[in-house]
Amino acid sequence: MEKNQKIAEVAELKETFATATSAVVIEFKGLVVEKDTAFRKSVRESRAQYRVGKNTLLRLAVKDTTFAPLGTSFKGNSAVATTHDDVVALAKAVNGFLKDNPAAVFKAGIMDGKQISAQELQALAELPSRDVLIAKLLYLMKYPISGLAVALEGIRKQKAGE
């Protein structure tokens, strides 16, 4: 790789890390193309990015960012999945990939500025999606009001002699 190409790639990676809120580093060995393609698709569907890169360039890209602690994880065959959107969706995509591909290994992760372990990633993956959580919250907020409306309507009907 030419020096200018390396500089351009580091700049692109820095931009990716600058806009991301969360990142997960995985190691893959002996991964078949079909499985890698399926994983890339699931990452894209979760509105995240997935990238395989040279470890030296990845270390340079995370330097002086909130993802600097990931620098020590860039050894062997490293890939990084990043998101600036839905952390749970990314965790689900990565966790599903790790379950289906025993050759892939979780190395490290940072979610919303906090380092996470493989167990924490799995716990995040088991959470309902953001949309489901919002729907549940709205239901819980609406429930007491609708209960009050039903009770008031019952009182009105009782008073009216219906």
C-alpha atoms as a PDB file:
ATOM      1  CA  MET A   1       0.000   0.000   0.000  1.00  0.00           C
ATOM      2  CA  GLU A   2       1.358   3.387  -1.005  1.00  0.00           C
ATOM      3  CA  LYS A   3       2.006   6.032   1.647  1.00  0.00           C
ATOM      4  CA  ASN A   4      -0.685   8.376   0.262  1.00  0.00           C
ATOM      5  CA  GLN A   5      -3.206   5.523   0.321  1.00  0.00           C
ATOM      6  CA  LYS A   6      -2.341   4.813   3.948  1.00  0.00           C
ATOM      7  CA  ILE A   7      -2.741   8.474   4.899  1.00  0.00           C
ATOM      8  CA  ALA A   8      -6.107   8.607   3.124  1.00  0.00           C
ATOM      9  CA  GLU A   9      -7.284   5.412   4.824  1.00  0.00           C
ATOM     10  CA  VAL A  10      -6.237   6.667   8.283  1.00  0.00           C
ATOM     11  CA  ALA A  11      -8.101   9.931   7.620  1.00  0.00           C
ATOM     12  CA  GLU A  12     -11.202   7.996   6.584  1.00  0.00           C
ATOM     13  CA  LEU A  13     -10.963   5.767   9.657  1.00  0.00           C
ATOM     14  CA  LYS A  14     -10.475   8.814  11.919  1.00  0.00           C
ATOM     15  CA  GLU A  15     -13.658  10.310  10.457  1.00  0.00           C
ATOM     16  CA  THR A  16     -15.514   7.061  11.139  1.00  0.00           C
ATOM     17  CA  PHE A  17     -14.347   7.009  14.758  1.00  0.00           C
ATOM     18  CA  ALA A  18     -15.005  10.744  15.201  1.00  0.00           C
ATOM     19  CA  THR A  19     -18.688  10.326  14.316  1.00  0.00           C
ATOM     20  CA  ALA A  20     -19.198   6.987  16.099  1.00  0.00           C
ATOM     21  CA  THR A  21     -20.535   6.574  19.619  1.00  0.00           C
ATOM     22  CA  SER A  22     -19.809   2.858  19.866  1.00  0.00           C
ATOM     23  CA  ALA A  23     -17.348   0.375  18.397  1.00  0.00           C
ATOM     24  CA  VAL A  24     -16.714  -3.353  18.680  1.00  0.00           C
ATOM     25  CA  VAL A  25     -13.495  -5.111  17.661  1.00  0.00           C
ATOM     26  CA  ILE A  26     -13.692  -8.741  16.607  1.00  0.00           C
ATOM     27  CA  GLU A  27     -11.113 -11.217  15.403  1.00  0.00           C
ATOM     28  CA  PHE A  28     -11.981 -13.582  12.604  1.00  0.00           C
ATOM     29  CA  LYS A  29     -10.117 -16.602  11.310  1.00  0.00           C
ATOM     30  CA  GLY A  30     -11.130 -18.981   8.558  1.00  0.00           C
ATOM     31  CA  LEU A  31     -14.333 -17.071   7.844  1.00  0.00           C
ATOM     32  CA  VAL A  32     -16.116 -18.051   4.643  1.00  0.00           C
ATOM     33  CA  VAL A  33     -17.108 -15.246   2.292  1.00  0.00           C
ATOM     34  CA  GLU A  34     -20.848 -16.025   2.556  1.00  0.00           C
ATOM     35  CA  LYS A  35     -20.815 -15.608   6.327  1.00  0.00           C
ATOM     36  CA  ASP A  36     -18.788 -12.405   6.125  1.00  0.00           C
ATOM     37  CA  THR A  37     -21.194 -11.027   3.525  1.00  0.00           C
ATOM     38  CA  ALA A  38     -24.193 -11.942   5.696  1.00  0.00           C
ATOM     39  CA  PHE A  39     -22.581 -10.224   8.688  1.00  0.00           C
ATOM     40  CA  ARG A  40     -21.838  -7.096   6.675  1.00  0.00           C
ATOM     41  CA  LYS A  41     -25.485  -7.017   5.599  1.00  0.00           C
ATOM     42  CA  SER A  42     -26.757  -7.371   9.187  1.00  0.00           C
ATOM     43  CA  VAL A  43     -24.423  -4.578  10.315  1.00  0.00           C
ATOM     44  CA  ARG A  44     -25.666  -2.305   7.519  1.00  0.00           C
ATOM     45  CA  GLU A  45     -29.283  -3.102   8.476  1.00  0.00           C
ATOM     46  CA  SER A  46     -28.511  -1.978  12.030  1.00  0.00           C
ATOM     47  CA  ARG A  47     -27.349   1.375  10.586  1.00  0.00           C
ATOM     48  CA  ALA A  48     -23.736   0.670  11.496  1.00  0.00           C
ATOM     49  CA  GLN A  49     -20.459   0.255   9.625  1.00  0.00           C
ATOM     50  CA  TYR A  50     -18.142  -2.738   9.443  1.00  0.00           C
ATOM     51  CA  ARG A  51     -14.571  -2.560   8.361  1.00  0.00           C
ATOM     52  CA  VAL A  52     -11.552  -4.821   8.152  1.00  0.00           C
ATOM     53  CA  GLY A  53      -8.301  -2.907   8.295  1.00  0.00           C
ATOM     54  CA  LYS A  54      -4.606  -3.091   8.893  1.00  0.00           C
ATOM     55  CA  ASN A  55      -3.910  -3.064  12.609  1.00  0.00           C
ATOM     56  CA  THR A  56      -1.314  -0.282  12.386  1.00  0.00           C
ATOM     57  CA  LEU A  57      -3.743   1.980  10.533  1.00  0.00           C
ATOM     58  CA  LEU A  58      -6.558   1.178  12.963  1.00  0.00           C
ATOM     59  CA  ARG A  59      -4.282   2.015  15.921  1.00  0.00           C
ATOM     60  CA  LEU A  60      -3.369   5.346  14.315  1.00  0.00           C
ATOM     61  CA  ALA A  61      -7.041   6.113  13.647  1.00  0.00           C
ATOM     62  CA  VAL A  62      -8.208   5.590  17.258  1.00  0.00           C
ATOM     63  CA  LYS A  63      -5.292   7.507  18.744  1.00  0.00           C
ATOM     64  CA  ASP A  64      -6.497  10.622  20.612  1.00  0.00           C
ATOM     65  CA  THR A  65     -10.179   9.569  20.416  1.00  0.00           C
ATOM     66  CA  THR A  66     -12.570   8.063  22.948  1.00  0.00           C
ATOM     67  CA  PHE A  67     -11.762   4.736  21.269  1.00  0.00           C
ATOM     68  CA  ALA A  68      -8.036   4.898  22.108  1.00  0.00           C
ATOM     69  CA  PRO A  69      -8.315   1.943  24.560  1.00  0.00           C
ATOM     70  CA  LEU A  70      -9.216  -0.265  21.581  1.00  0.00           C
ATOM     71  CA  GLY A  71      -5.713   0.286  20.174  1.00  0.00           C
ATOM     72  CA  THR A  72      -4.269  -2.640  22.143  1.00  0.00           C
ATOM     73  CA  SER A  73      -6.908  -4.953  20.620  1.00  0.00           C
ATOM     74  CA  PHE A  74      -5.726  -4.505  17.064  1.00  0.00           C
ATOM     75  CA  LYS A  75      -3.673  -7.681  16.708  1.00  0.00           C
ATOM     76  CA  GLY A  76      -4.227 -10.600  14.355  1.00  0.00           C
ATOM     77  CA  ASN A  77      -7.151 -10.384  11.932  1.00  0.00           C
ATOM     78  CA  SER A  78      -9.085  -7.379  13.224  1.00  0.00           C
ATOM     79  CA  ALA A  79     -12.411  -5.993  12.113  1.00  0.00           C
ATOM     80  CA  VAL A  80     -14.302  -3.060  13.601  1.00  0.00           C
ATOM     81  CA  ALA A  81     -18.031  -2.429  13.669  1.00  0.00           C
ATOM     82  CA  THR A  82     -19.023   1.147  14.564  1.00  0.00           C
ATOM     83  CA  THR A  83     -22.272   3.026  15.000  1.00  0.00           C
ATOM     84  CA  HIS A  84     -23.444   6.493  15.904  1.00  0.00           C
ATOM     85  CA  ASP A  85     -27.052   5.393  16.139  1.00  0.00           C
ATOM     86  CA  ASP A  86     -28.615   2.320  17.753  1.00  0.00           C
ATOM     87  CA  VAL A  87     -26.154   0.571  20.090  1.00  0.00           C
ATOM     88  CA  VAL A  88     -28.543  -2.322  20.777  1.00  0.00           C
ATOM     89  CA  ALA A  89     -28.972  -3.070  17.061  1.00  0.00           C
ATOM     90  CA  LEU A  90     -25.195  -3.204  16.621  1.00  0.00           C
ATOM     91  CA  ALA A  91     -24.848  -5.444  19.682  1.00  0.00           C
ATOM     92  CA  LYS A  92     -27.524  -7.796  18.280  1.00  0.00           C
ATOM     93  CA  ALA A  93     -25.763  -7.990  14.896  1.00  0.00           C
ATOM     94  CA  VAL A  94     -22.328  -8.646  16.428  1.00  0.00           C
ATOM     95  CA  ASN A  95     -23.631 -11.112  19.019  1.00  0.00           C
ATOM     96  CA  GLY A  96     -25.558 -13.055  16.355  1.00  0.00           C
ATOM     97  CA  PHE A  97     -22.433 -13.222  14.214  1.00  0.00           C
ATOM     98  CA  LEU A  98     -20.313 -14.442  17.126  1.00  0.00           C
ATOM     99  CA  LYS A  99     -22.860 -17.172  17.964  1.00  0.00           C
ATOM    100  CA  ASP A 100     -22.991 -18.396  14.358  1.00  0.00           C
ATOM    101  CA  ASN A 101     -19.217 -18.264  13.838  1.00  0.00           C
ATOM    102  CA  PRO A 102     -17.182 -19.866  16.615  1.00  0.00           C
ATOM    103  CA  ALA A 103     -14.001 -18.880  14.750  1.00  0.00           C
ATOM    104  CA  ALA A 104     -14.839 -15.201  15.356  1.00  0.00           C
ATOM    105  CA  VAL A 105     -13.847 -13.795  18.747  1.00  0.00           C
ATOM    106  CA  PHE A 106     -14.948 -10.646  20.569  1.00  0.00           C
ATOM    107  CA  LYS A 107     -11.806  -8.665  21.429  1.00  0.00           C
ATOM    108  CA  ALA A 108     -13.025  -5.385  22.894  1.00  0.00           C
ATOM    109  CA  GLY A 109     -15.753  -2.823  22.684  1.00  0.00           C
ATOM    110  CA  ILE A 110     -16.690   0.676  23.718  1.00  0.00           C
ATOM    111  CA  MET A 111     -20.348   1.602  23.904  1.00  0.00           C
ATOM    112  CA  ASP A 112     -21.279   5.207  24.619  1.00  0.00           C
ATOM    113  CA  GLY A 113     -17.807   5.918  26.015  1.00  0.00           C
ATOM    114  CA  LYS A 114     -17.664   2.876  28.335  1.00  0.00           C
ATOM    115  CA  GLN A 115     -15.561  -0.216  27.751  1.00  0.00           C
ATOM    116  CA  ILE A 116     -17.678  -3.368  27.597  1.00  0.00           C
ATOM    117  CA  SER A 117     -16.955  -7.054  27.983  1.00  0.00           C
ATOM    118  CA  ALA A 118     -18.281  -9.920  25.881  1.00  0.00           C
ATOM    119  CA  GLN A 119     -20.881 -10.610  28.604  1.00  0.00           C
ATOM    120  CA  GLU A 120     -22.072  -7.000  28.531  1.00  0.00           C
ATOM    121  CA  LEU A 121     -22.299  -7.147  24.747  1.00  0.00           C
ATOM    122  CA  GLN A 122     -24.462 -10.248  25.035  1.00  0.00           C
ATOM    123  CA  ALA A 123     -26.676  -8.580  27.661  1.00  0.00           C
ATOM    124  CA  LEU A 124     -27.115  -5.569  25.366  1.00  0.00           C
ATOM    125  CA  ALA A 125     -28.004  -7.870  22.481  1.00  0.00           C
ATOM    126  CA  GLU A 126     -30.779  -9.437  24.536  1.00  0.00           C
ATOM    127  CA  LEU A 127     -32.465  -6.069  25.146  1.00  0.00           C
ATOM    128  CA  PRO A 128     -35.468  -5.174  23.026  1.00  0.00           C
ATOM    129  CA  SER A 129     -34.763  -2.717  20.215  1.00  0.00           C
ATOM    130  CA  ARG A 130     -35.008   1.029  20.764  1.00  0.00           C
ATOM    131  CA  ASP A 131     -38.336   1.207  18.934  1.00  0.00           C
ATOM    132  CA  VAL A 132     -39.837  -1.556  21.094  1.00  0.00           C
ATOM    133  CA  LEU A 133     -38.618   0.143  24.282  1.00  0.00           C
ATOM    134  CA  ILE A 134     -40.141   3.462  23.180  1.00  0.00           C
ATOM    135  CA  ALA A 135     -43.446   1.726  22.361  1.00  0.00           C
ATOM    136  CA  LYS A 136     -43.479   0.095  25.817  1.00  0.00           C
ATOM    137  CA  LEU A 137     -42.750   3.427  27.485  1.00  0.00           C
ATOM    138  CA  LEU A 138     -45.539   5.145  25.563  1.00  0.00           C
ATOM    139  CA  TYR A 139     -47.941   2.351  26.510  1.00  0.00           C
ATOM    140  CA  LEU A 140     -47.009   2.696  30.185  1.00  0.00           C
ATOM    141  CA  MET A 141     -47.479   6.456  30.004  1.00  0.00           C
ATOM    142  CA  LYS A 142     -50.855   6.105  28.248  1.00  0.00           C
ATOM    143  CA  TYR A 143     -52.228   3.291  30.428  1.00  0.00           C
ATOM    144  CA  PRO A 144     -53.092   5.342  33.569  1.00  0.00           C
ATOM    145  CA  ILE A 145     -54.783   8.019  31.460  1.00  0.00           C
ATOM    146  CA  SER A 146     -56.890   5.488  29.552  1.00  0.00           C
ATOM    147  CA  GLY A 147     -57.792   3.792  32.857  1.00  0.00           C
ATOM    148  CA  LEU A 148     -58.925   7.131  34.248  1.00  0.00           C
ATOM    149  CA  ALA A 149     -60.985   7.793  31.109  1.00  0.00           C
ATOM    150  CA  VAL A 150     -62.723   4.410  31.441  1.00  0.00           C
ATOM    151  CA  ALA A 151     -63.443   5.080  35.138  1.00  0.00           C
ATOM    152  CA  LEU A 152     -64.840   8.565  34.414  1.00  0.00           C
ATOM    153  CA  GLU A 153     -67.006   7.193  31.602  1.00  0.00           C
ATOM    154  CA  GLY A 154     -68.355   4.557  34.019  1.00  0.00           C
ATOM    155  CA  ILE A 155     -69.181   7.251  36.578  1.00  0.00           C
ATOM    156  CA  ARG A 156     -70.876   9.366  33.879  1.00  0.00           C
ATOM    157  CA  LYS A 157     -73.000   6.416  32.746  1.00  0.00           C
ATOM    158  CA  GLN A 158     -73.908   5.580  36.350  1.00  0.00           C
ATOM    159  CA  LYS A 159     -74.981   9.172  37.054  1.00  0.00           C
ATOM    160  CA  ALA A 160     -76.974   9.329  33.838  1.00  0.00           C
ATOM    161  CA  GLY A 161     -78.797   6.173  34.856  1.00  0.00           C
ATOM    162  CA  GLU A 162     -77.745   4.177  31.873  1.00  0.00           C
END
